[in-house]
Amino acid sequence: MSNILAFPVKEQLRDRTPLELIVEQELLDLGADSYMIDVVIERMEKFLVLASFEFDLKMKVSKNCLDEMNQTVFPVISDMQASIRENMNEMLTERVLHEIRLYNLERHAVK
């Protein structure tokens, strides 16, 4: 049976991650076609995996300490999360704009 050829199988489409959906919507808002969206999201795959990192801040706290933490620690953590989210949004936007420029440069170079 060594004469049987294996034919390539088309890859199954997977659902987009939440960040990929955000990028897709941003590109749609800018008038991108589906091919451009697929190219940009494929190029950004590793970046989007890294950008979806979540902090695991689970901790055990005694009831005596909880009131103090509610007043001092949790507001600081909340501010930190907001700052990180804002910075990640800016990085994501900059990366999408970079990928759009790269896509357009490559498209014009082929013509």
N, C-alpha and C. Protein backbone atom coordinates (compact mmCIF):
# COMPACT_ATOMS: atom_id res chain seq x y z
N MET A 1 0.81 -1.20 0.00
CA MET A 1 0.00 0.00 0.00
C MET A 1 0.85 1.26 0.00
N SER A 2 2.10 1.15 -0.29
CA SER A 2 2.98 2.33 -0.28
C SER A 2 2.71 3.24 -1.46
N ASN A 3 1.87 2.84 -2.39
CA ASN A 3 1.58 3.68 -3.55
C ASN A 3 0.37 4.59 -3.36
N ILE A 4 -0.18 4.66 -2.15
CA ILE A 4 -1.33 5.52 -1.88
C ILE A 4 -0.82 6.91 -1.51
N LEU A 5 -1.35 7.92 -2.19
CA LEU A 5 -0.95 9.30 -1.93
C LEU A 5 -1.88 9.94 -0.92
N ALA A 6 -1.29 10.68 -0.03
CA ALA A 6 -2.10 11.44 0.95
C ALA A 6 -2.37 12.82 0.38
N PHE A 7 -3.63 13.15 0.23
CA PHE A 7 -4.00 14.45 -0.29
C PHE A 7 -4.16 15.44 0.86
N PRO A 8 -3.76 16.69 0.60
CA PRO A 8 -3.93 17.69 1.67
C PRO A 8 -5.42 17.88 2.00
N VAL A 9 -5.68 18.02 3.26
CA VAL A 9 -7.05 18.21 3.72
C VAL A 9 -7.21 19.67 4.10
N LYS A 10 -8.32 20.27 3.68
CA LYS A 10 -8.56 21.67 4.00
C LYS A 10 -8.75 21.81 5.51
N GLU A 11 -8.09 22.81 6.07
CA GLU A 11 -8.15 23.05 7.51
C GLU A 11 -9.55 23.49 7.91
N GLN A 12 -10.02 22.94 9.03
CA GLN A 12 -11.34 23.33 9.54
C GLN A 12 -11.27 24.74 10.11
N LEU A 13 -12.26 25.54 9.79
CA LEU A 13 -12.32 26.90 10.34
C LEU A 13 -12.65 26.82 11.82
N ARG A 14 -12.00 27.66 12.60
CA ARG A 14 -12.26 27.70 14.04
C ARG A 14 -12.93 29.03 14.36
N ASP A 15 -13.59 29.06 15.49
CA ASP A 15 -14.20 30.31 15.93
C ASP A 15 -13.12 31.30 16.32
N ARG A 16 -13.37 32.56 16.07
CA ARG A 16 -12.41 33.60 16.44
C ARG A 16 -12.46 33.82 17.95
N THR A 17 -11.31 34.17 18.50
CA THR A 17 -11.23 34.50 19.92
C THR A 17 -11.85 35.87 20.14
N PRO A 18 -12.14 36.25 21.39
CA PRO A 18 -12.70 37.58 21.64
C PRO A 18 -11.83 38.72 21.10
N LEU A 19 -10.51 38.62 21.25
CA LEU A 19 -9.64 39.67 20.72
C LEU A 19 -9.63 39.68 19.20
N GLU A 20 -9.69 38.51 18.59
CA GLU A 20 -9.77 38.46 17.13
C GLU A 20 -11.06 39.10 16.64
N LEU A 21 -12.15 38.90 17.37
CA LEU A 21 -13.42 39.54 17.00
C LEU A 21 -13.33 41.06 17.11
N ILE A 22 -12.61 41.54 18.12
CA ILE A 22 -12.41 42.99 18.27
C ILE A 22 -11.63 43.54 17.09
N VAL A 23 -10.55 42.84 16.70
CA VAL A 23 -9.74 43.27 15.56
C VAL A 23 -10.58 43.21 14.28
N GLU A 24 -11.34 42.14 14.12
CA GLU A 24 -12.19 42.01 12.95
C GLU A 24 -13.18 43.17 12.86
N GLN A 25 -13.81 43.53 13.96
CA GLN A 25 -14.77 44.64 13.95
C GLN A 25 -14.08 45.96 13.66
N GLU A 26 -12.90 46.15 14.22
CA GLU A 26 -12.16 47.39 13.96
C GLU A 26 -11.82 47.50 12.48
N LEU A 27 -11.41 46.39 11.88
CA LEU A 27 -11.10 46.40 10.45
C LEU A 27 -12.35 46.60 9.60
N LEU A 28 -13.45 45.97 9.99
CA LEU A 28 -14.71 46.18 9.27
C LEU A 28 -15.13 47.64 9.32
N ASP A 29 -14.97 48.27 10.49
CA ASP A 29 -15.30 49.69 10.63
C ASP A 29 -14.45 50.56 9.72
N LEU A 30 -13.24 50.08 9.41
CA LEU A 30 -12.34 50.83 8.53
C LEU A 30 -12.53 50.47 7.06
N GLY A 31 -13.48 49.57 6.78
CA GLY A 31 -13.80 49.21 5.40
C GLY A 31 -12.99 48.07 4.82
N ALA A 32 -12.38 47.25 5.66
CA ALA A 32 -11.56 46.14 5.17
C ALA A 32 -12.45 45.04 4.61
N ASP A 33 -11.90 44.35 3.60
CA ASP A 33 -12.63 43.19 3.06
C ASP A 33 -12.23 41.94 3.85
N SER A 34 -12.91 40.83 3.59
CA SER A 34 -12.69 39.61 4.38
C SER A 34 -11.27 39.06 4.20
N TYR A 35 -10.70 39.20 3.00
CA TYR A 35 -9.34 38.71 2.78
C TYR A 35 -8.34 39.48 3.64
N MET A 36 -8.48 40.80 3.67
CA MET A 36 -7.59 41.63 4.48
C MET A 36 -7.73 41.28 5.96
N ILE A 37 -8.95 41.08 6.40
CA ILE A 37 -9.20 40.72 7.80
C ILE A 37 -8.50 39.40 8.14
N ASP A 38 -8.64 38.41 7.27
CA ASP A 38 -8.00 37.12 7.51
C ASP A 38 -6.48 37.25 7.56
N VAL A 39 -5.91 38.02 6.64
CA VAL A 39 -4.46 38.21 6.61
C VAL A 39 -3.97 38.89 7.88
N VAL A 40 -4.62 39.97 8.27
CA VAL A 40 -4.20 40.72 9.45
C VAL A 40 -4.33 39.86 10.71
N ILE A 41 -5.44 39.18 10.87
CA ILE A 41 -5.64 38.35 12.07
C ILE A 41 -4.63 37.21 12.10
N GLU A 42 -4.34 36.61 10.96
CA GLU A 42 -3.34 35.54 10.92
C GLU A 42 -1.97 36.07 11.34
N ARG A 43 -1.60 37.24 10.85
CA ARG A 43 -0.31 37.84 11.22
C ARG A 43 -0.24 38.21 12.70
N MET A 44 -1.37 38.55 13.26
CA MET A 44 -1.42 38.99 14.65
C MET A 44 -1.66 37.86 15.64
N GLU A 45 -1.73 36.64 15.16
CA GLU A 45 -2.12 35.51 16.01
C GLU A 45 -1.30 35.44 17.30
N LYS A 46 0.02 35.44 17.19
CA LYS A 46 0.88 35.34 18.38
C LYS A 46 0.69 36.55 19.30
N PHE A 47 0.60 37.75 18.72
CA PHE A 47 0.38 38.96 19.51
C PHE A 47 -0.93 38.87 20.28
N LEU A 48 -1.98 38.41 19.63
CA LEU A 48 -3.29 38.33 20.28
C LEU A 48 -3.31 37.29 21.40
N VAL A 49 -2.55 36.21 21.23
CA VAL A 49 -2.43 35.22 22.31
C VAL A 49 -1.76 35.88 23.52
N LEU A 50 -0.68 36.60 23.27
CA LEU A 50 0.02 37.28 24.37
C LEU A 50 -0.84 38.37 24.99
N ALA A 51 -1.60 39.09 24.18
CA ALA A 51 -2.42 40.19 24.68
C ALA A 51 -3.62 39.72 25.48
N SER A 52 -3.99 38.46 25.35
CA SER A 52 -5.15 37.95 26.08
C SER A 52 -4.78 37.41 27.46
N PHE A 53 -3.56 37.66 27.88
CA PHE A 53 -3.08 37.21 29.19
C PHE A 53 -3.96 37.78 30.30
N GLU A 54 -4.30 36.94 31.25
CA GLU A 54 -5.09 37.35 32.40
C GLU A 54 -4.28 37.12 33.67
N PHE A 55 -4.29 38.10 34.56
CA PHE A 55 -3.63 37.94 35.84
C PHE A 55 -4.47 37.04 36.73
N ASP A 56 -3.81 36.15 37.44
CA ASP A 56 -4.48 35.28 38.39
C ASP A 56 -4.20 35.84 39.78
N LEU A 57 -5.14 36.62 40.30
CA LEU A 57 -4.93 37.29 41.57
C LEU A 57 -5.72 36.64 42.70
N LYS A 58 -5.85 35.33 42.66
CA LYS A 58 -6.57 34.63 43.73
C LYS A 58 -5.71 34.64 44.99
N MET A 59 -6.37 34.94 46.10
CA MET A 59 -5.65 34.93 47.38
C MET A 59 -6.63 34.65 48.50
N LYS A 60 -6.11 34.09 49.55
CA LYS A 60 -6.92 33.84 50.73
C LYS A 60 -6.64 34.94 51.73
N VAL A 61 -7.71 35.51 52.26
CA VAL A 61 -7.58 36.63 53.18
C VAL A 61 -8.46 36.36 54.40
N SER A 62 -7.92 36.65 55.54
CA SER A 62 -8.71 36.47 56.77
C SER A 62 -9.80 37.55 56.83
N LYS A 63 -10.85 37.28 57.57
CA LYS A 63 -11.94 38.26 57.69
C LYS A 63 -11.45 39.53 58.37
N ASN A 64 -10.48 39.42 59.26
CA ASN A 64 -9.94 40.61 59.94
C ASN A 64 -9.26 41.55 58.95
N CYS A 65 -8.65 40.97 57.96
CA CYS A 65 -7.88 41.76 56.99
C CYS A 65 -8.75 42.27 55.83
N LEU A 66 -9.91 41.68 55.62
CA LEU A 66 -10.73 41.99 54.46
C LEU A 66 -11.19 43.44 54.40
N ASP A 67 -11.61 44.02 55.53
CA ASP A 67 -12.05 45.42 55.53
C ASP A 67 -10.92 46.35 55.11
N GLU A 68 -9.74 46.12 55.64
CA GLU A 68 -8.60 46.96 55.28
C GLU A 68 -8.25 46.81 53.80
N MET A 69 -8.32 45.57 53.32
CA MET A 69 -8.02 45.34 51.90
C MET A 69 -9.05 46.02 51.00
N ASN A 70 -10.32 45.99 51.41
CA ASN A 70 -11.36 46.67 50.63
C ASN A 70 -11.08 48.16 50.51
N GLN A 71 -10.50 48.73 51.52
CA GLN A 71 -10.24 50.17 51.52
C GLN A 71 -8.92 50.54 50.86
N THR A 72 -7.93 49.67 50.94
CA THR A 72 -6.61 50.05 50.45
C THR A 72 -6.13 49.26 49.24
N VAL A 73 -6.21 47.95 49.30
CA VAL A 73 -5.62 47.12 48.26
C VAL A 73 -6.48 47.03 47.01
N PHE A 74 -7.75 46.72 47.17
CA PHE A 74 -8.62 46.49 46.00
C PHE A 74 -8.76 47.72 45.10
N PRO A 75 -8.86 48.95 45.64
CA PRO A 75 -8.89 50.11 44.74
C PRO A 75 -7.60 50.25 43.91
N VAL A 76 -6.47 49.92 44.51
CA VAL A 76 -5.20 49.99 43.78
C VAL A 76 -5.17 48.94 42.68
N ILE A 77 -5.62 47.73 42.99
CA ILE A 77 -5.68 46.67 41.98
C ILE A 77 -6.63 47.06 40.86
N SER A 78 -7.75 47.65 41.20
CA SER A 78 -8.72 48.08 40.19
C SER A 78 -8.13 49.15 39.28
N ASP A 79 -7.42 50.11 39.85
CA ASP A 79 -6.76 51.14 39.05
C ASP A 79 -5.70 50.54 38.13
N MET A 80 -4.95 49.57 38.67
CA MET A 80 -3.91 48.91 37.89
C MET A 80 -4.54 48.16 36.71
N GLN A 81 -5.63 47.46 36.95
CA GLN A 81 -6.31 46.74 35.88
C GLN A 81 -6.80 47.69 34.79
N ALA A 82 -7.36 48.83 35.19
CA ALA A 82 -7.84 49.82 34.22
C ALA A 82 -6.68 50.36 33.39
N SER A 83 -5.57 50.63 34.05
CA SER A 83 -4.40 51.14 33.34
C SER A 83 -3.85 50.11 32.35
N ILE A 84 -3.77 48.87 32.77
CA ILE A 84 -3.30 47.81 31.88
C ILE A 84 -4.24 47.65 30.71
N ARG A 85 -5.54 47.67 30.97
CA ARG A 85 -6.53 47.53 29.90
C ARG A 85 -6.40 48.67 28.89
N GLU A 86 -6.23 49.89 29.38
CA GLU A 86 -6.08 51.06 28.50
C GLU A 86 -4.83 50.93 27.64
N ASN A 87 -3.72 50.53 28.26
CA ASN A 87 -2.47 50.37 27.51
C ASN A 87 -2.57 49.24 26.49
N MET A 88 -3.22 48.15 26.85
CA MET A 88 -3.39 47.05 25.90
C MET A 88 -4.26 47.48 24.72
N ASN A 89 -5.29 48.28 24.98
CA ASN A 89 -6.13 48.78 23.89
C ASN A 89 -5.32 49.65 22.94
N GLU A 90 -4.46 50.50 23.49
CA GLU A 90 -3.61 51.35 22.64
C GLU A 90 -2.63 50.52 21.83
N MET A 91 -2.02 49.51 22.46
CA MET A 91 -1.09 48.64 21.74
C MET A 91 -1.80 47.87 20.63
N LEU A 92 -3.00 47.39 20.93
CA LEU A 92 -3.77 46.65 19.94
C LEU A 92 -4.11 47.55 18.75
N THR A 93 -4.53 48.76 19.03
CA THR A 93 -4.86 49.70 17.95
C THR A 93 -3.64 50.02 17.11
N GLU A 94 -2.51 50.28 17.76
CA GLU A 94 -1.28 50.57 17.02
C GLU A 94 -0.86 49.39 16.16
N ARG A 95 -0.99 48.19 16.69
CA ARG A 95 -0.61 47.00 15.92
C ARG A 95 -1.53 46.81 14.73
N VAL A 96 -2.83 47.03 14.91
CA VAL A 96 -3.77 46.90 13.79
C VAL A 96 -3.43 47.94 12.71
N LEU A 97 -3.16 49.16 13.11
CA LEU A 97 -2.80 50.21 12.13
C LEU A 97 -1.51 49.85 11.40
N HIS A 98 -0.55 49.30 12.12
CA HIS A 98 0.70 48.85 11.50
C HIS A 98 0.42 47.76 10.47
N GLU A 99 -0.41 46.79 10.82
CA GLU A 99 -0.72 45.69 9.91
C GLU A 99 -1.48 46.19 8.68
N ILE A 100 -2.33 47.19 8.85
CA ILE A 100 -3.04 47.77 7.70
C ILE A 100 -2.03 48.41 6.75
N ARG A 101 -1.09 49.20 7.30
CA ARG A 101 -0.07 49.83 6.46
C ARG A 101 0.76 48.77 5.73
N LEU A 102 1.17 47.73 6.46
CA LEU A 102 1.96 46.66 5.85
C LEU A 102 1.17 45.95 4.75
N TYR A 103 -0.08 45.66 5.00
CA TYR A 103 -0.93 45.02 4.00
C TYR A 103 -1.03 45.88 2.74
N ASN A 104 -1.27 47.18 2.92
CA ASN A 104 -1.38 48.07 1.77
C ASN A 104 -0.06 48.21 1.01
N LEU A 105 1.06 48.28 1.72
CA LEU A 105 2.36 48.34 1.06
C LEU A 105 2.62 47.09 0.23
N GLU A 106 2.33 45.94 0.81
CA GLU A 106 2.53 44.69 0.08
C GLU A 106 1.62 44.58 -1.13
N ARG A 107 0.39 45.03 -0.96
CA ARG A 107 -0.58 44.96 -2.07
C ARG A 107 -0.13 45.85 -3.23
N HIS A 108 0.37 47.05 -2.90
CA HIS A 108 0.83 47.97 -3.95
C HIS A 108 2.15 47.51 -4.58
N ALA A 109 2.98 46.80 -3.82
CA ALA A 109 4.25 46.30 -4.35
C ALA A 109 4.03 45.19 -5.36
N VAL A 110 2.95 44.45 -5.22
CA VAL A 110 2.64 43.34 -6.12
C VAL A 110 2.14 43.86 -7.45
N LYS A 111 1.48 44.99 -7.46
CA LYS A 111 0.88 45.53 -8.70
C LYS A 111 1.91 45.98 -9.69
